[in-house]
Structure formats: C-alpha cells, structure tokens
Amino acid sequence: METIASPLMWTAFGGLVVIALLADLVLMRHGGAHRVTFKEALGWSIGWVAVALAFGGWLWWYVGDQAGADEGRRVALEYYTGYLVEKSLAVDNIFVFLMLFTYFAVPEEQRQKVLVLGVLAAIALRAIMIFAGALLLAKFHWILYVFGAFLLLTGIKMLWAAGKEPDLDSNPILRWLTGHVPMTRGYVGSRLSVVEGGKRLYTPLFIVILMIGITDLIFAVDSIPAIFAITKDPFIVLTSNVFAVLGLRAMFFLLAGLADRFHLLPYGLALVLMFIGAKMLLIDVYKISIMTSLAVVATTIAATVVLSLLRPAPGKKASW
C-alpha cells in the first residue's frame, strides 16, 4: 500500500480534521437547536470549500518541495479531481437526506443534529472502507476491473432512474425498521428514545439517524471505487473524501430549497460514474490523464447544473 504521505502529512491532516469537527460541533450548539438560514449555510459552505482548496494547495507546495514540482502537481491534481468527484456525488446524498427529512417530517431545529451524526458516521465508514480497498488493490490488481464494472453498472442504473420519483414506502430497509422497532407517535425534542409504561420506545429521530447511516454506507460503496480510478494512494483518497464530507451539513441547508432546480444533475452524476467506470476498465489498455478526468467531471457537472437552470423542470419557473 504505497503512499506519498509522510508521518507529518498524516499528523497535519488528522489535526486539521479534529479541529474542523470540534469547531463544527461547538458552533452547531451555539444558541441551541435552531433553523439554519441560507446566509449561515452559504458562509459555512464557502468556508469548507476554502479549507479543502487550501489543503490541496498545501499538498502541491509540500510534496513539490520534498519530491519535485512535477510530483507536487500530480498529487494536487489527483486530490482536486477526487475532491470534485466526491463533492459531486455528495449532492446525491443531500437529495436522499432531504427526502428522508420530508418523509419523517423532521423538525427544522433537529436536522443539524442528524446531519452532524451522519457526517461523523460517514467519515468513520469511509476511512475503514478506503484502507480495506487500498489493501485489496495492493494485492489484487484485478479488483480494479470489479470496481470499474460496478461503477459502470451503477451509472447506467442511475441514468435509468433519473427523473423518476423515488418511493420510500417501498424501501425494504425502512419498511423493516418501522415494522419491527417500537416507536413513539411523535418527536420528543432531540431524544432518540423514551421509556413509557416500562417499555423503551424509539422516536422517529432514531429511525432517521439509522437511515442516514445506511445511506452513507450505500453511497460510500459507490463513491470510494470512483476515486480509486483517479489514484490508489490511500492518503489522497481519504483526504479528498473527508473534505468533501465535512461540508455536507452546510451544503444540505444551502441546497435544501434548491433541489428541484437541479433536476438534471442526476443525469450528470450518472455520466460521471459511467466515465470513471470505463476509465477503470481501460486502465491497462489506455490511461486517461488526470487533467482529462478533471475536465470531463467538471464539464459534465457544470453543464447539467447550467442546463437545469436554463430549462427548469415542468411546472417550475426559471431561476432568472
């Protein structure tokens, strides 16, 4: 399992993540549970993106200083491409989170708690899966073909499902949870469970948190193979994943009211997964450069966002 990371780089990254999480948790509690405004979400989103971009700039400088300018440029481009892919796929997470919050009528003031727990779970799950994936790739090169085929099929499935209204009522996991877990009739503040008549009952908030965790796991299975098509270095894979996930909470509140305007984005995400899957399948035949990958991903995502705004979904007004 080869990596460009030195002990100093791992330490710097770990320290930055801890500081970021502590700042997020402390500021989340500031003023108690409250409805996050668009202005607040915008500020946090810009801040998280700035931190992620600055980390990539530090990688470029530090690796370039230690191993040469070309190596620094390569590592930074791999990081930025991976970050863009993971950030784009995180938008799909947000749409699912919004659907769950609407389905369970989660109070606005409780959504922050659910999202923070979701972010913590996502970081832990992705770290485990990334190191497991890196170990497998180090021993079995053919795993790349498995990842590539999986992403290609996932992209085709996503493309087929794009534009169709998902039905949570038919979700087997959700049906099992709501049918087997004893629940209260409504929310009890921010509590996850209560004891009534000597019996422990779980609140809808507990079910939502469970579903968010399961959703994180499912999306990690999709997104982690995608970044292994860009780099096999576990440090770059982990850092790009974590920085994309760290901004998930702020991005949710930023996009929650705009989800319908980006109705074509699922098509773009599907095309990105198909492109990355094809890239993995062709890795021993033709290697697509990092610059080309970055250009394809950025252009595809930008095009679907712009087209969504120019051609709103039926029944929606244009954004300008």
Protein backbone atom coordinates (compact mmCIF):
# COMPACT_ATOMS: atom_id res chain seq x y z
CA MET A 1 0.00 0.00 0.00
CA GLU A 2 2.14 2.85 -1.34
CA THR A 3 1.54 6.46 -0.36
CA ILE A 4 3.23 9.80 -0.76
CA ALA A 5 2.24 10.73 2.79
CA SER A 6 4.88 11.17 5.48
CA PRO A 7 4.07 10.94 9.22
CA LEU A 8 3.97 14.76 9.23
CA MET A 9 1.32 14.80 6.49
CA TRP A 10 -0.87 12.25 8.31
CA THR A 11 -0.49 14.24 11.54
CA ALA A 12 -1.31 17.56 9.86
CA PHE A 13 -4.39 16.09 8.20
CA GLY A 14 -5.60 14.37 11.37
CA GLY A 15 -5.17 17.53 13.41
CA LEU A 16 -7.00 19.64 10.84
CA VAL A 17 -9.95 17.22 10.76
CA VAL A 18 -10.22 17.15 14.57
CA ILE A 19 -10.13 20.95 14.75
CA ALA A 20 -12.72 21.23 11.97
CA LEU A 21 -15.08 18.75 13.63
CA LEU A 22 -14.75 20.41 17.04
CA ALA A 23 -15.42 23.84 15.53
CA ASP A 24 -18.45 22.48 13.70
CA LEU A 25 -19.85 20.78 16.80
CA VAL A 26 -19.30 23.79 19.06
CA LEU A 27 -20.79 26.28 16.62
CA MET A 28 -23.70 23.94 15.93
CA ARG A 29 -24.63 24.10 19.60
CA HIS A 30 -24.20 27.87 19.75
CA GLY A 31 -27.61 29.31 20.51
CA GLY A 32 -29.16 25.84 20.88
CA ALA A 33 -31.09 23.95 18.24
CA HIS A 34 -32.23 26.38 15.55
CA ARG A 35 -33.21 26.64 11.93
CA VAL A 36 -30.13 27.21 9.77
CA THR A 37 -30.57 30.22 7.49
CA PHE A 38 -29.48 30.34 3.86
CA LYS A 39 -26.90 33.02 4.74
CA GLU A 40 -25.41 30.86 7.51
CA ALA A 41 -25.29 27.79 5.23
CA LEU A 42 -23.67 29.81 2.43
CA GLY A 43 -20.96 31.10 4.77
CA TRP A 44 -20.18 27.62 6.07
CA SER A 45 -20.17 26.13 2.56
CA ILE A 46 -17.72 28.73 1.29
CA GLY A 47 -15.56 28.14 4.37
CA TRP A 48 -15.44 24.35 3.90
CA VAL A 49 -14.60 24.66 0.20
CA ALA A 50 -11.88 27.19 1.01
CA VAL A 51 -10.35 24.82 3.58
CA ALA A 52 -10.42 21.93 1.08
CA LEU A 53 -8.83 24.02 -1.68
CA ALA A 54 -6.19 25.37 0.73
CA PHE A 55 -5.29 21.83 1.78
CA GLY A 56 -4.78 20.92 -1.88
CA GLY A 57 -2.56 23.97 -2.28
CA TRP A 58 -0.53 22.91 0.75
CA LEU A 59 -0.18 19.41 -0.75
CA TRP A 60 1.08 20.92 -4.01
CA TRP A 61 3.67 23.04 -2.19
CA TYR A 62 4.78 20.45 0.37
CA VAL A 63 5.10 17.46 -1.99
CA GLY A 64 6.68 19.68 -4.63
CA ASP A 65 9.25 20.87 -2.11
CA GLN A 66 10.01 17.30 -0.99
CA ALA A 67 9.81 15.36 -4.26
CA GLY A 68 9.92 17.89 -7.08
CA ALA A 69 7.48 20.23 -8.82
CA ASP A 70 6.09 17.58 -11.19
CA GLU A 71 5.23 15.23 -8.32
CA GLY A 72 3.62 18.08 -6.37
CA ARG A 73 1.48 19.00 -9.36
CA ARG A 74 0.44 15.36 -9.92
CA VAL A 75 -0.58 14.83 -6.31
CA ALA A 76 -2.53 18.10 -6.16
CA LEU A 77 -4.39 17.33 -9.40
CA GLU A 78 -5.31 13.86 -8.13
CA TYR A 79 -6.56 15.38 -4.88
CA TYR A 80 -8.62 18.10 -6.60
CA THR A 81 -10.12 15.63 -9.09
CA GLY A 82 -11.02 13.23 -6.29
CA TYR A 83 -12.50 16.06 -4.24
CA LEU A 84 -14.64 17.25 -7.16
CA VAL A 85 -15.93 13.71 -7.79
CA GLU A 86 -16.75 13.12 -4.12
CA LYS A 87 -18.31 16.57 -3.71
CA SER A 88 -20.50 16.00 -6.75
CA LEU A 89 -21.64 12.59 -5.55
CA ALA A 90 -22.34 14.09 -2.11
CA VAL A 91 -25.09 16.16 -3.74
CA ASP A 92 -26.97 12.91 -4.35
CA ASN A 93 -26.66 12.16 -0.62
CA ILE A 94 -28.27 15.51 0.11
CA PHE A 95 -31.28 14.78 -2.09
CA VAL A 96 -31.82 11.49 -0.23
CA PHE A 97 -31.40 13.21 3.16
CA LEU A 98 -33.97 15.82 2.15
CA MET A 99 -36.37 13.08 1.10
CA LEU A 100 -35.96 11.32 4.47
CA PHE A 101 -36.44 14.55 6.42
CA THR A 102 -39.60 15.32 4.46
CA TYR A 103 -40.96 11.77 4.78
CA PHE A 104 -40.50 11.76 8.57
CA ALA A 105 -41.36 15.47 8.96
CA VAL A 106 -38.15 16.08 10.93
CA PRO A 107 -38.39 19.46 12.71
CA GLU A 108 -36.07 22.09 11.22
CA GLU A 109 -34.25 22.61 14.52
CA GLN A 110 -33.37 18.88 14.81
CA ARG A 111 -31.91 18.46 11.34
CA GLN A 112 -28.49 19.78 12.36
CA LYS A 113 -28.05 17.02 14.96
CA VAL A 114 -28.96 14.30 12.45
CA LEU A 115 -26.57 15.69 9.83
CA VAL A 116 -23.63 16.03 12.24
CA LEU A 117 -24.06 12.43 13.37
CA GLY A 118 -24.33 11.46 9.72
CA VAL A 119 -21.05 13.24 8.91
CA LEU A 120 -19.24 11.51 11.79
CA ALA A 121 -20.57 8.12 10.68
CA ALA A 122 -19.60 8.81 7.07
CA ILE A 123 -16.01 9.70 7.99
CA ALA A 124 -15.60 6.56 10.11
CA LEU A 125 -17.16 4.25 7.49
CA ARG A 126 -15.18 5.73 4.62
CA ALA A 127 -11.86 5.52 6.48
CA ILE A 128 -12.42 1.79 7.10
CA MET A 129 -13.52 1.12 3.52
CA ILE A 130 -10.68 3.15 1.98
CA PHE A 131 -7.93 1.30 3.83
CA ALA A 132 -9.60 -2.04 3.09
CA GLY A 133 -9.86 -1.09 -0.59
CA ALA A 134 -6.24 0.07 -0.73
CA LEU A 135 -5.05 -3.23 0.78
CA LEU A 136 -7.10 -5.22 -1.73
CA LEU A 137 -5.78 -3.19 -4.68
CA ALA A 138 -2.21 -3.61 -3.46
CA LYS A 139 -2.62 -7.41 -3.55
CA PHE A 140 -5.12 -7.97 -6.35
CA HIS A 141 -4.86 -5.73 -9.42
CA TRP A 142 -7.97 -7.33 -10.94
CA ILE A 143 -10.11 -5.68 -8.24
CA LEU A 144 -9.88 -2.54 -10.40
CA TYR A 145 -11.94 -4.31 -13.08
CA VAL A 146 -14.55 -5.29 -10.48
CA PHE A 147 -14.74 -1.66 -9.30
CA GLY A 148 -14.94 -0.43 -12.89
CA ALA A 149 -17.76 -2.79 -13.85
CA PHE A 150 -19.64 -1.92 -10.65
CA LEU A 151 -19.39 1.83 -11.32
CA LEU A 152 -20.42 1.41 -14.96
CA LEU A 153 -23.50 -0.59 -13.99
CA THR A 154 -24.29 1.84 -11.15
CA GLY A 155 -24.08 4.76 -13.58
CA ILE A 156 -26.39 3.01 -16.06
CA LYS A 157 -28.86 2.24 -13.25
CA MET A 158 -28.73 5.85 -12.03
CA LEU A 159 -29.26 7.11 -15.58
CA TRP A 160 -32.32 4.86 -15.96
CA ALA A 161 -33.76 6.02 -12.61
CA ALA A 162 -33.05 9.73 -13.16
CA GLY A 163 -36.18 11.82 -13.32
CA LYS A 164 -38.33 9.19 -11.59
CA GLU A 165 -39.86 9.92 -8.19
CA PRO A 166 -38.34 7.60 -5.55
CA ASP A 167 -40.81 5.72 -3.37
CA LEU A 168 -39.70 5.48 0.27
CA ASP A 169 -42.81 3.49 1.18
CA SER A 170 -41.45 0.54 -0.80
CA ASN A 171 -37.92 0.73 0.65
CA PRO A 172 -37.36 -2.71 2.27
CA ILE A 173 -34.96 -1.43 4.98
CA LEU A 174 -37.29 1.38 6.01
CA ARG A 175 -40.32 -0.93 5.99
CA TRP A 176 -38.48 -3.43 8.22
CA LEU A 177 -37.35 -0.75 10.68
CA THR A 178 -40.76 0.88 11.03
CA GLY A 179 -42.40 -2.54 11.33
CA HIS A 180 -40.06 -4.03 13.95
CA VAL A 181 -38.75 -1.11 16.02
CA PRO A 182 -41.20 0.07 18.75
CA MET A 183 -41.74 3.78 18.09
CA THR A 184 -43.34 6.78 19.75
CA ARG A 185 -46.19 8.52 17.94
CA GLY A 186 -44.18 11.70 17.51
CA TYR A 187 -40.93 13.52 18.27
CA VAL A 188 -39.77 14.06 21.85
CA GLY A 189 -37.44 17.03 21.44
CA SER A 190 -34.00 15.79 20.46
CA ARG A 191 -34.32 12.48 22.31
CA LEU A 192 -33.75 9.24 20.43
CA SER A 193 -35.74 7.04 22.84
CA VAL A 194 -38.04 7.22 25.87
CA VAL A 195 -39.41 4.76 28.39
CA GLU A 196 -43.20 4.56 28.55
CA GLY A 197 -45.02 2.04 30.74
CA GLY A 198 -41.76 0.22 31.44
CA LYS A 199 -41.09 -0.26 27.71
CA ARG A 200 -38.42 1.51 25.68
CA LEU A 201 -39.76 3.25 22.62
CA TYR A 202 -37.69 4.89 19.91
CA THR A 203 -38.54 8.25 18.39
CA PRO A 204 -38.75 8.89 14.63
CA LEU A 205 -35.46 10.79 15.02
CA PHE A 206 -33.73 7.49 15.86
CA ILE A 207 -35.07 5.89 12.67
CA VAL A 208 -33.95 8.86 10.59
CA ILE A 209 -30.41 8.68 12.03
CA LEU A 210 -30.28 4.95 11.25
CA MET A 211 -31.42 5.56 7.67
CA ILE A 212 -28.87 8.37 7.25
CA GLY A 213 -26.12 5.97 8.40
CA ILE A 214 -27.30 3.27 5.99
CA THR A 215 -27.47 5.83 3.18
CA ASP A 216 -23.90 6.94 3.96
CA LEU A 217 -22.75 3.33 3.68
CA ILE A 218 -24.53 2.78 0.37
CA PHE A 219 -23.10 5.96 -1.14
CA ALA A 220 -19.63 5.12 0.16
CA VAL A 221 -19.81 1.85 -1.75
CA ASP A 222 -20.42 3.91 -4.91
CA SER A 223 -18.05 6.80 -4.35
CA ILE A 224 -14.92 5.12 -2.97
CA PRO A 225 -14.34 2.89 -6.01
CA ALA A 226 -14.80 6.03 -8.12
CA ILE A 227 -11.83 7.79 -6.56
CA PHE A 228 -9.64 4.68 -6.78
CA ALA A 229 -9.92 5.18 -10.54
CA ILE A 230 -8.14 8.50 -10.05
CA THR A 231 -5.49 7.46 -7.52
CA LYS A 232 -4.59 4.39 -5.49
CA ASP A 233 -2.84 6.42 -2.80
CA PRO A 234 -4.90 5.96 0.42
CA PHE A 235 -3.84 9.39 1.69
CA ILE A 236 -5.22 11.23 -1.33
CA VAL A 237 -8.34 9.03 -1.36
CA LEU A 238 -9.02 9.65 2.33
CA THR A 239 -8.30 13.38 2.35
CA SER A 240 -10.45 14.12 -0.70
CA ASN A 241 -13.29 12.02 0.75
CA VAL A 242 -13.16 13.56 4.20
CA PHE A 243 -13.01 17.16 2.98
CA ALA A 244 -15.98 16.50 0.68
CA VAL A 245 -17.97 15.00 3.58
CA LEU A 246 -17.04 17.74 6.08
CA GLY A 247 -19.04 20.29 4.10
CA LEU A 248 -22.07 18.01 3.77
CA ARG A 249 -24.09 19.58 6.59
CA ALA A 250 -23.68 23.14 5.33
CA MET A 251 -24.31 22.08 1.74
CA PHE A 252 -27.57 20.40 2.78
CA PHE A 253 -29.02 23.63 4.18
CA LEU A 254 -27.68 25.54 1.18
CA LEU A 255 -29.30 23.23 -1.40
CA ALA A 256 -32.40 22.10 0.53
CA GLY A 257 -34.57 24.75 -1.07
CA LEU A 258 -32.92 24.41 -4.48
CA ALA A 259 -33.12 20.63 -5.00
CA ASP A 260 -35.89 20.88 -7.60
CA ARG A 261 -33.89 23.38 -9.65
CA PHE A 262 -31.07 20.88 -10.23
CA HIS A 263 -33.36 18.23 -11.74
CA LEU A 264 -30.83 17.30 -14.45
CA LEU A 265 -27.93 16.79 -12.04
CA PRO A 266 -28.65 13.05 -11.51
CA TYR A 267 -28.03 12.56 -15.24
CA GLY A 268 -24.66 14.29 -14.89
CA LEU A 269 -23.70 12.17 -11.87
CA ALA A 270 -24.68 9.02 -13.77
CA LEU A 271 -22.47 10.03 -16.71
CA VAL A 272 -19.58 10.76 -14.33
CA LEU A 273 -19.85 7.29 -12.77
CA MET A 274 -20.03 5.68 -16.22
CA PHE A 275 -16.96 7.61 -17.38
CA ILE A 276 -14.96 6.64 -14.27
CA GLY A 277 -16.08 3.02 -14.57
CA ALA A 278 -14.97 2.93 -18.20
CA LYS A 279 -11.66 4.53 -17.21
CA MET A 280 -11.01 1.74 -14.70
CA LEU A 281 -11.90 -0.98 -17.21
CA LEU A 282 -9.48 0.53 -19.76
CA ILE A 283 -6.65 1.18 -17.30
CA ASP A 284 -4.33 -1.47 -18.78
CA VAL A 285 -5.24 -0.58 -22.36
CA TYR A 286 -5.36 3.21 -22.38
CA LYS A 287 -4.65 5.51 -19.46
CA ILE A 288 -6.75 8.66 -19.33
CA SER A 289 -4.79 11.54 -17.82
CA ILE A 290 -5.76 13.24 -14.57
CA MET A 291 -6.24 16.56 -16.41
CA THR A 292 -8.65 14.90 -18.84
CA SER A 293 -10.55 13.26 -15.99
CA LEU A 294 -10.81 16.56 -14.12
CA ALA A 295 -12.03 18.34 -17.28
CA VAL A 296 -14.66 15.67 -18.05
CA VAL A 297 -16.03 15.59 -14.49
CA ALA A 298 -16.09 19.38 -14.08
CA THR A 299 -17.65 19.98 -17.52
CA THR A 300 -20.33 17.31 -17.04
CA ILE A 301 -21.40 18.56 -13.62
CA ALA A 302 -21.32 22.22 -14.67
CA ALA A 303 -23.28 21.51 -17.86
CA THR A 304 -26.09 19.67 -16.06
CA VAL A 305 -26.34 22.41 -13.41
CA VAL A 306 -26.49 25.18 -16.04
CA LEU A 307 -29.00 23.26 -18.19
CA SER A 308 -31.15 22.65 -15.11
CA LEU A 309 -31.30 26.40 -14.50
CA LEU A 310 -31.90 27.26 -18.16
CA ARG A 311 -34.53 24.53 -18.69
CA PRO A 312 -36.43 24.15 -15.41
CA ALA A 313 -38.49 21.05 -14.76
CA PRO A 314 -42.14 21.14 -15.87
CA GLY A 315 -44.15 23.29 -13.51
CA LYS A 316 -41.06 25.19 -12.27
CA LYS A 317 -40.05 28.72 -13.15
CA ALA A 318 -36.62 29.60 -14.45
CA SER A 319 -34.12 30.77 -11.83
CA TRP A 320 -33.61 34.09 -13.55
